[in-house]
Each structure stands twice: as structure tokens, then as C-alpha cells.
């Protein structure tokens, strides 16, 4: 289990990863970073903090990351279909 300081550092690293990936157009990586933050914080009963961080990242940008990641998934015959 991480200490509160370690958790705060981890969240900051994930948020930075989201920003960098989104800016570089790597929407799958951006979506993964946002989902990791949201899922982990909600799992440890920090729902309010999870919502605040998602607000800071921007829900519209998070939604765009997930939408673009779905479009760009390549899986054989279902290329360009939502996952």
C-alpha cells in the first residue's frame, strides 16, 4: 500500500502522462492514464478526489481520448469499429 505522499506523487505522474500523451496525439495512452487515476482513487474510496482530478484534466479531453482510442484500435477484421 502506498503512503498518502506516494499516492499523491503517483497521481501527479499519471496526470502528467495524460497531458503528454494527449498533446502528442497518443489517445490510447492518454485514456489509459486517466482511467488508472479514476479507477484507483475510486477503488480506495476517494471518489471526490477522483472527480476533482478528472475535472482538472477536462472531461471533454478525456472523452475525446477515449473516443479516438476506440477509433484507432486495429484488430483484424473489425478495424475502425468501436471496441
Protein backbone atom coordinates (compact mmCIF):
# COMPACT_ATOMS: atom_id res chain seq x y z
CA UNK A 1 0.00 0.00 0.00
CA UNK A 2 1.26 3.44 -0.88
CA UNK A 3 1.61 6.21 1.66
CA UNK A 4 -0.51 9.33 1.03
CA UNK A 5 2.59 11.10 -0.27
CA UNK A 6 3.42 8.25 -2.64
CA UNK A 7 -0.17 8.15 -3.86
CA UNK A 8 -0.16 11.89 -4.48
CA UNK A 9 3.09 11.56 -6.43
CA UNK A 10 1.71 8.64 -8.45
CA UNK A 11 -1.45 10.61 -9.33
CA UNK A 12 0.66 13.60 -10.41
CA UNK A 13 2.79 11.31 -12.61
CA UNK A 14 -0.30 9.76 -14.21
CA UNK A 15 -1.83 13.21 -14.78
CA UNK A 16 1.40 14.37 -16.43
CA UNK A 17 1.39 11.22 -18.53
CA UNK A 18 -2.16 12.04 -19.65
CA UNK A 19 -1.16 15.58 -20.61
CA UNK A 20 1.90 14.45 -22.56
CA UNK A 21 0.11 11.64 -24.36
CA UNK A 22 -2.90 13.81 -25.23
CA UNK A 23 -0.67 16.58 -26.56
CA UNK A 24 1.24 14.06 -28.69
CA UNK A 25 -1.98 12.60 -30.09
CA UNK A 26 -1.44 9.27 -28.33
CA UNK A 27 -5.05 8.96 -27.27
CA UNK A 28 -4.88 5.32 -26.16
CA UNK A 29 -2.12 6.14 -23.68
CA UNK A 30 -3.97 9.25 -22.51
CA UNK A 31 -7.16 7.27 -21.96
CA UNK A 32 -5.25 4.61 -20.02
CA UNK A 33 -3.64 7.20 -17.74
CA UNK A 34 -6.99 8.86 -16.99
CA UNK A 35 -8.67 5.51 -16.35
CA UNK A 36 -5.89 4.41 -13.98
CA UNK A 37 -6.28 7.55 -11.88
CA UNK A 38 -10.06 7.32 -11.79
CA UNK A 39 -10.22 3.59 -11.08
CA UNK A 40 -7.56 3.52 -8.36
CA UNK A 41 -8.91 6.52 -6.48
CA UNK A 42 -12.48 5.24 -6.60
CA UNK A 43 -11.32 1.78 -5.51
CA UNK A 44 -9.80 3.23 -2.35
CA UNK A 45 -12.94 5.30 -1.67
CA UNK A 46 -11.57 8.63 -2.86
CA UNK A 47 -14.44 9.36 -5.25
CA UNK A 48 -14.42 13.11 -4.63
CA UNK A 49 -10.70 13.36 -5.33
CA UNK A 50 -11.11 11.28 -8.49
CA UNK A 51 -13.84 13.63 -9.74
CA UNK A 52 -11.72 16.70 -8.95
CA UNK A 53 -8.73 15.36 -10.86
CA UNK A 54 -10.90 14.45 -13.85
CA UNK A 55 -12.33 17.99 -13.75
CA UNK A 56 -8.76 19.38 -13.81
CA UNK A 57 -7.80 17.16 -16.74
CA UNK A 58 -11.00 18.17 -18.53
CA UNK A 59 -13.86 15.77 -19.09
CA UNK A 60 -14.13 16.85 -22.72
CA UNK A 61 -10.47 15.94 -23.33
CA UNK A 62 -10.89 12.62 -21.50
CA UNK A 63 -13.94 11.79 -23.63
CA UNK A 64 -12.00 12.72 -26.79
CA UNK A 65 -9.11 10.47 -25.73
CA UNK A 66 -11.43 7.50 -25.25
CA UNK A 67 -13.32 8.19 -28.48
CA UNK A 68 -10.13 8.49 -30.54
CA UNK A 69 -8.61 5.41 -28.89
CA UNK A 70 -11.65 3.35 -29.89
CA UNK A 71 -11.47 4.55 -33.49
CA UNK A 72 -7.75 3.80 -33.76
CA UNK A 73 -7.92 0.25 -32.44
CA UNK A 74 -6.85 -2.22 -35.08
CA UNK A 75 -8.00 -5.79 -34.58
CA UNK A 76 -8.05 -7.70 -37.80
CA UNK A 77 -11.47 -7.70 -39.44
CA UNK A 78 -13.06 -5.21 -37.01
CA UNK A 79 -10.63 -2.40 -37.89
CA UNK A 80 -12.15 1.06 -37.29
CA UNK A 81 -15.05 -0.32 -35.25
CA UNK A 82 -15.69 0.65 -31.64
CA UNK A 83 -14.32 -1.83 -29.16
